[in-house]
N, C-alpha and C. Protein backbone atom coordinates (compact mmCIF):
# COMPACT_ATOMS: atom_id res chain seq x y z
N MET A 1 85.35 -48.41 -60.54
CA MET A 1 86.92 -48.27 -60.00
C MET A 1 84.98 -48.38 -58.51
N ASN A 2 85.30 -49.30 -57.63
CA ASN A 2 84.79 -48.89 -56.64
C ASN A 2 84.85 -48.57 -55.35
N LYS A 3 85.42 -48.50 -54.96
CA LYS A 3 85.82 -47.23 -53.94
C LYS A 3 85.42 -46.32 -54.03
N PRO A 4 85.59 -45.44 -54.88
CA PRO A 4 84.89 -44.17 -54.16
C PRO A 4 83.36 -44.16 -53.80
N GLU A 5 82.72 -45.58 -53.78
CA GLU A 5 81.23 -45.55 -53.64
C GLU A 5 81.08 -46.57 -52.26
N SER A 6 82.35 -47.89 -51.87
CA SER A 6 82.54 -47.63 -50.76
C SER A 6 83.03 -46.98 -49.82
N LEU A 7 83.89 -46.24 -50.09
CA LEU A 7 84.12 -45.32 -49.44
C LEU A 7 82.87 -44.87 -48.91
N ARG A 8 82.16 -43.89 -49.46
CA ARG A 8 80.77 -43.06 -49.18
C ARG A 8 79.80 -44.00 -48.73
N ALA A 9 79.76 -44.82 -49.25
CA ALA A 9 79.58 -45.99 -47.90
C ALA A 9 79.67 -46.11 -46.19
N HIS A 10 80.74 -46.83 -46.54
CA HIS A 10 81.43 -46.88 -45.28
C HIS A 10 80.98 -45.48 -44.63
N LEU A 11 81.53 -44.01 -44.88
CA LEU A 11 80.77 -43.15 -44.65
C LEU A 11 80.11 -42.35 -44.26
N MET A 12 79.04 -43.25 -44.76
CA MET A 12 77.48 -42.85 -43.72
C MET A 12 77.47 -43.69 -43.51
N SER A 13 77.57 -44.58 -43.06
CA SER A 13 77.15 -45.70 -42.00
C SER A 13 78.29 -46.15 -40.66
N THR A 14 78.80 -44.50 -40.57
CA THR A 14 79.89 -44.33 -39.26
C THR A 14 79.36 -42.82 -39.05
N VAL A 15 78.91 -41.73 -39.41
CA VAL A 15 79.84 -40.59 -38.98
C VAL A 15 77.86 -40.40 -38.69
N ALA A 16 78.07 -40.16 -38.28
CA ALA A 16 76.28 -39.76 -37.09
C ALA A 16 75.79 -38.35 -38.57
N GLU A 17 76.49 -37.62 -38.12
CA GLU A 17 75.77 -36.37 -38.36
C GLU A 17 75.62 -36.58 -39.83
N LEU A 18 76.08 -36.84 -40.21
CA LEU A 18 75.85 -37.75 -41.65
C LEU A 18 74.57 -39.15 -42.77
N GLN A 19 74.14 -39.56 -41.43
CA GLN A 19 73.03 -40.23 -41.53
C GLN A 19 71.82 -39.10 -41.73
N HIS A 20 71.74 -38.57 -40.79
CA HIS A 20 71.11 -37.27 -40.65
C HIS A 20 71.05 -36.36 -42.28
N ASN A 21 71.89 -36.45 -42.16
CA ASN A 21 72.80 -35.35 -43.30
C ASN A 21 73.05 -36.14 -44.28
N PRO A 22 72.80 -36.55 -45.94
CA PRO A 22 73.95 -37.67 -46.83
C PRO A 22 74.30 -37.15 -47.55
N ASP A 23 73.43 -35.19 -47.73
CA ASP A 23 73.80 -34.73 -48.49
C ASP A 23 74.52 -33.82 -48.58
N ARG A 24 75.30 -33.67 -47.33
CA ARG A 24 76.40 -33.67 -47.44
C ARG A 24 78.28 -33.36 -47.56
N LEU A 25 78.12 -35.23 -47.72
CA LEU A 25 78.90 -35.14 -48.24
C LEU A 25 79.39 -35.47 -50.03
N LEU A 26 79.64 -34.67 -50.08
CA LEU A 26 80.36 -34.76 -52.16
C LEU A 26 82.06 -35.49 -52.19
N ILE A 27 81.90 -37.05 -52.46
CA ILE A 27 83.29 -36.94 -53.21
C ILE A 27 83.04 -37.16 -54.52
N PHE A 28 84.85 -36.93 -55.57
CA PHE A 28 84.89 -36.33 -56.61
C PHE A 28 86.07 -37.12 -56.16
N ILE A 29 86.54 -37.48 -57.81
CA ILE A 29 87.70 -37.94 -58.56
C ILE A 29 88.28 -37.05 -59.37
N ASP A 30 89.64 -36.81 -59.15
CA ASP A 30 90.29 -35.39 -59.57
C ASP A 30 91.85 -37.15 -59.72
N ASN A 31 92.24 -36.47 -60.47
CA ASN A 31 93.37 -36.92 -61.75
C ASN A 31 93.46 -37.94 -61.33
N GLY A 32 92.54 -38.96 -62.20
CA GLY A 32 92.61 -39.75 -62.61
C GLY A 32 93.84 -40.56 -64.11
N LYS A 33 94.14 -41.52 -64.05
CA LYS A 33 94.88 -41.98 -64.97
C LYS A 33 94.81 -43.96 -64.00
N VAL A 34 95.58 -44.05 -66.19
CA VAL A 34 95.24 -45.99 -65.84
C VAL A 34 96.45 -46.08 -65.79
N ARG A 35 97.64 -47.39 -65.26
CA ARG A 35 98.66 -47.77 -65.95
C ARG A 35 98.60 -48.77 -66.04
N CYS A 36 99.32 -49.57 -66.29
CA CYS A 36 99.66 -50.78 -66.87
C CYS A 36 101.28 -50.87 -66.98
N THR A 37 101.36 -52.03 -67.74
CA THR A 37 103.68 -53.05 -67.74
C THR A 37 103.10 -53.16 -68.94
N ALA A 38 103.21 -53.54 -69.07
CA ALA A 38 103.70 -54.66 -70.91
C ALA A 38 103.70 -55.93 -70.69
N ALA A 39 103.19 -56.17 -69.95
CA ALA A 39 102.45 -57.48 -69.69
C ALA A 39 102.59 -58.60 -70.43
N LYS A 40 102.35 -59.69 -70.22
CA LYS A 40 101.56 -60.39 -71.50
C LYS A 40 99.73 -60.53 -70.94
N SER A 41 99.91 -60.17 -70.01
CA SER A 41 98.29 -60.79 -69.67
C SER A 41 97.67 -58.92 -69.56
N LEU A 42 96.38 -58.32 -69.29
CA LEU A 42 95.67 -56.92 -69.35
C LEU A 42 95.41 -56.84 -68.46
N SER A 43 96.17 -57.21 -67.13
CA SER A 43 95.91 -56.29 -65.97
C SER A 43 96.14 -54.05 -65.65
N PHE A 44 95.69 -53.79 -65.59
CA PHE A 44 95.96 -53.15 -65.73
C PHE A 44 94.83 -51.79 -64.00
N GLU A 45 96.08 -50.31 -63.87
CA GLU A 45 95.78 -50.35 -62.27
C GLU A 45 94.95 -48.53 -62.81
N TYR A 46 94.27 -48.34 -61.91
CA TYR A 46 93.56 -46.81 -61.90
C TYR A 46 93.97 -45.86 -60.55
N SER A 47 95.19 -45.04 -61.33
CA SER A 47 95.23 -44.29 -60.11
C SER A 47 94.56 -43.03 -59.54
N PHE A 48 94.06 -42.27 -58.53
CA PHE A 48 92.79 -41.49 -58.36
C PHE A 48 93.48 -40.48 -57.60
N ASP A 49 92.59 -39.39 -57.05
CA ASP A 49 92.77 -38.01 -56.02
C ASP A 49 91.39 -38.82 -55.54
N LEU A 50 90.81 -38.87 -54.56
CA LEU A 50 89.62 -38.88 -53.85
C LEU A 50 89.19 -37.25 -53.58
N GLN A 51 88.69 -36.00 -54.38
CA GLN A 51 88.15 -35.36 -52.36
C GLN A 51 87.18 -35.35 -52.87
N ILE A 52 87.49 -35.22 -51.49
CA ILE A 52 85.59 -35.06 -50.69
C ILE A 52 85.89 -34.25 -49.65
N ILE A 53 83.66 -34.16 -49.40
CA ILE A 53 84.47 -32.20 -49.35
C ILE A 53 82.67 -32.39 -48.71
N LEU A 54 82.33 -32.35 -47.01
CA LEU A 54 82.04 -32.23 -46.46
C LEU A 54 81.19 -30.70 -45.81
N THR A 55 80.11 -30.57 -47.13
CA THR A 55 79.30 -29.13 -46.49
C THR A 55 79.08 -29.35 -45.03
N ASP A 56 78.34 -27.96 -44.38
CA ASP A 56 77.88 -27.19 -43.05
C ASP A 56 78.23 -28.41 -42.45
N PHE A 57 79.25 -29.04 -42.24
CA PHE A 57 80.17 -30.03 -41.05
C PHE A 57 80.15 -29.27 -39.57
N THR A 58 79.75 -29.93 -38.31
CA THR A 58 79.75 -29.56 -37.66
C THR A 58 80.02 -29.92 -36.99
N GLY A 59 80.57 -31.26 -36.73
CA GLY A 59 81.11 -32.49 -35.65
C GLY A 59 82.86 -32.43 -35.56
N HIS A 60 83.39 -33.24 -34.62
CA HIS A 60 84.54 -33.24 -34.86
C HIS A 60 84.78 -33.79 -35.70
N PRO A 61 86.54 -34.09 -36.22
CA PRO A 61 86.67 -34.07 -36.75
C PRO A 61 87.46 -35.66 -36.86
N ASP A 62 87.03 -35.43 -35.86
CA ASP A 62 87.79 -37.06 -35.42
C ASP A 62 86.69 -37.93 -35.79
N SER A 63 85.36 -37.65 -36.07
CA SER A 63 84.38 -38.47 -36.60
C SER A 63 84.16 -38.66 -37.89
N VAL A 64 85.54 -38.26 -38.49
CA VAL A 64 85.38 -38.48 -40.17
C VAL A 64 86.56 -38.98 -39.59
N ILE A 65 86.73 -38.47 -39.73
CA ILE A 65 89.39 -38.59 -39.95
C ILE A 65 88.86 -40.19 -39.30
N LEU A 66 88.82 -41.33 -38.16
CA LEU A 66 88.58 -42.49 -37.90
C LEU A 66 88.56 -43.83 -38.54
N PRO A 67 86.79 -43.31 -39.09
CA PRO A 67 86.46 -44.02 -40.23
C PRO A 67 86.60 -44.41 -41.02
N MET A 68 87.52 -43.45 -41.50
CA MET A 68 88.10 -42.64 -42.76
C MET A 68 89.25 -43.05 -43.06
N LEU A 69 90.04 -43.80 -41.76
CA LEU A 69 91.48 -44.29 -41.75
C LEU A 69 91.23 -45.49 -41.19
N GLY A 70 90.09 -46.43 -40.66
CA GLY A 70 89.46 -47.28 -40.69
C GLY A 70 89.56 -48.73 -42.04
N TRP A 71 88.51 -47.89 -42.82
CA TRP A 71 88.46 -48.20 -43.91
C TRP A 71 89.77 -47.70 -44.59
N ILE A 72 90.36 -47.07 -45.04
CA ILE A 72 92.36 -47.16 -45.09
C ILE A 72 92.98 -48.66 -45.23
N SER A 73 92.83 -48.68 -43.43
CA SER A 73 93.32 -49.81 -43.27
C SER A 73 92.89 -51.03 -43.60
N VAL A 74 91.76 -51.49 -44.74
CA VAL A 74 91.01 -52.74 -45.38
C VAL A 74 91.29 -51.99 -46.58
N ASN A 75 90.88 -50.68 -47.18
CA ASN A 75 91.08 -50.57 -48.55
C ASN A 75 91.50 -50.20 -49.78
N GLN A 76 92.46 -49.70 -48.84
CA GLN A 76 94.01 -48.79 -49.33
C GLN A 76 95.69 -48.74 -48.55
N SER A 77 95.22 -50.01 -47.46
CA SER A 77 96.71 -49.76 -46.32
C SER A 77 97.98 -49.77 -46.72
N GLU A 78 97.75 -49.86 -48.32
CA GLU A 78 100.03 -49.40 -48.41
C GLU A 78 99.47 -47.42 -48.39
N LEU A 79 98.64 -46.50 -48.46
CA LEU A 79 98.73 -45.43 -47.32
C LEU A 79 99.24 -44.68 -46.14
N LEU A 80 99.13 -46.55 -45.47
CA LEU A 80 99.81 -46.26 -43.74
C LEU A 80 100.50 -46.34 -43.97
N GLU A 81 101.32 -47.61 -44.60
CA GLU A 81 103.55 -48.08 -44.92
C GLU A 81 103.76 -46.02 -44.10
N LYS A 82 105.27 -46.79 -43.49
CA LYS A 82 105.94 -45.60 -43.47
C LYS A 82 106.55 -45.40 -44.60
N PRO A 83 106.46 -43.67 -45.16
CA PRO A 83 106.63 -44.30 -46.56
C PRO A 83 108.81 -43.93 -46.28
N ARG A 84 109.79 -43.95 -47.75
CA ARG A 84 111.09 -44.84 -47.58
C ARG A 84 111.28 -43.16 -47.26
N GLN A 85 112.48 -42.32 -47.32
CA GLN A 85 112.91 -41.19 -46.57
C GLN A 85 113.32 -40.38 -47.30
N GLY A 86 112.84 -39.24 -47.26
CA GLY A 86 112.77 -38.10 -48.14
C GLY A 86 111.30 -38.42 -48.92
N GLN A 87 110.62 -38.33 -48.84
CA GLN A 87 108.99 -39.20 -49.16
C GLN A 87 107.74 -38.28 -48.24
N GLU A 88 107.06 -37.64 -48.15
CA GLU A 88 106.00 -37.59 -47.82
C GLU A 88 105.03 -38.12 -47.53
N TRP A 89 104.28 -38.11 -46.22
CA TRP A 89 102.83 -38.90 -46.56
C TRP A 89 102.27 -38.69 -46.81
N HIS A 90 100.35 -38.74 -47.36
CA HIS A 90 99.60 -37.65 -47.20
C HIS A 90 98.69 -37.82 -47.73
N PRO A 91 97.86 -39.72 -46.55
CA PRO A 91 97.79 -39.92 -47.35
C PRO A 91 95.66 -39.31 -47.19
N VAL A 92 95.68 -37.88 -45.88
CA VAL A 92 94.56 -37.61 -46.65
C VAL A 92 95.14 -35.89 -45.94
N ARG A 93 94.41 -35.18 -46.95
CA ARG A 93 95.05 -33.95 -46.80
C ARG A 93 93.67 -32.92 -45.95
N SER A 94 93.30 -32.86 -45.61
CA SER A 94 92.61 -30.96 -44.92
C SER A 94 92.35 -30.66 -45.60
N ARG A 95 91.69 -29.39 -46.53
CA ARG A 95 91.76 -27.85 -46.75
C ARG A 95 90.91 -27.29 -46.57
N ASP A 96 91.03 -25.80 -46.35
CA ASP A 96 89.98 -24.98 -46.19
C ASP A 96 89.32 -24.83 -45.68
N PRO A 97 89.13 -25.29 -44.51
CA PRO A 97 88.67 -24.81 -43.13
C PRO A 97 87.34 -24.17 -42.59
N ARG A 98 88.07 -22.76 -43.39
CA ARG A 98 87.42 -21.65 -43.01
C ARG A 98 86.51 -20.91 -43.78
N GLN A 99 85.68 -22.47 -44.91
CA GLN A 99 85.30 -21.97 -45.72
C GLN A 99 83.90 -22.04 -45.49
N GLY A 100 83.73 -22.90 -44.19
CA GLY A 100 82.69 -23.29 -43.64
C GLY A 100 81.97 -25.10 -44.43
N GLN A 101 83.51 -25.34 -44.57
CA GLN A 101 83.89 -26.93 -45.29
C GLN A 101 84.72 -27.51 -45.36
N SER A 102 84.90 -28.12 -44.30
CA SER A 102 86.08 -29.56 -44.99
C SER A 102 86.68 -30.16 -46.17
N ARG A 103 88.06 -30.54 -46.78
CA ARG A 103 87.56 -31.02 -47.55
C ARG A 103 89.05 -31.74 -48.21
N LEU A 104 88.90 -32.49 -48.42
CA LEU A 104 89.95 -34.35 -47.67
C LEU A 104 90.33 -34.54 -48.88
N GLN A 105 91.77 -34.75 -48.79
CA GLN A 105 91.85 -35.44 -50.27
C GLN A 105 92.75 -36.29 -50.31
N LEU A 106 92.51 -37.63 -51.24
CA LEU A 106 93.09 -38.83 -50.56
C LEU A 106 93.03 -40.03 -51.20
N ASP A 107 94.38 -40.31 -51.45
CA ASP A 107 95.13 -40.52 -52.75
C ASP A 107 95.11 -41.94 -52.98
N ALA A 108 95.18 -42.73 -53.55
CA ALA A 108 94.04 -43.82 -53.73
C ALA A 108 94.35 -44.33 -55.52
N ALA A 109 93.50 -45.74 -54.88
CA ALA A 109 94.67 -46.70 -56.48
C ALA A 109 93.96 -47.70 -56.38
N ALA A 110 93.48 -47.88 -57.64
CA ALA A 110 92.22 -49.69 -57.94
C ALA A 110 92.76 -50.00 -58.61
N ASP A 111 92.33 -51.79 -58.80
CA ASP A 111 92.93 -53.21 -59.49
C ASP A 111 91.68 -52.53 -60.63
N GLY A 112 92.08 -52.12 -62.11
CA GLY A 112 91.22 -52.11 -62.78
C GLY A 112 90.50 -53.33 -62.85
N ALA A 113 91.06 -54.47 -63.58
CA ALA A 113 90.93 -55.50 -64.21
C ALA A 113 89.74 -56.05 -63.02
N SER A 114 89.62 -56.10 -61.74
CA SER A 114 89.06 -56.95 -60.25
C SER A 114 88.00 -56.54 -60.29
N ASP A 115 87.45 -54.49 -60.50
CA ASP A 115 86.50 -53.72 -59.83
C ASP A 115 85.82 -53.52 -61.41
N ARG A 116 85.99 -54.11 -62.06
CA ARG A 116 85.20 -54.02 -63.60
C ARG A 116 84.70 -55.96 -63.50
N ARG A 117 85.72 -57.13 -63.03
CA ARG A 117 85.15 -57.97 -62.92
C ARG A 117 84.14 -58.08 -61.40
N GLN A 118 83.97 -57.21 -60.72
CA GLN A 118 82.63 -57.07 -59.55
C GLN A 118 81.34 -56.56 -60.06
N GLY A 119 81.31 -55.51 -61.09
CA GLY A 119 80.64 -55.06 -61.43
C GLY A 119 80.90 -53.41 -61.58
């Protein structure tokens, strides 16, 4: 799964405050699943939530959200599509801003076969 590391690298290069304080960015994988079908090939997909935590972050939320949306548009563009009627759209969720940290959750998926071939 290269997406967590790809997102980390992207945020580190685009968010000025993280360039000076890289230890303030924490990324965890939660709710990991493997999805596959009964097809003849051995293809599969990882699905997971990325928990992104910014500790002691004093910058404006836009300085993180805008680069994150740019990364999503390239790496997980289906999250930006309009949901079908009755579905909620939550590609990024903010949690607990009063506790001195910003928490974001990104619903992500990665093709297992292609990620394995890339390294």
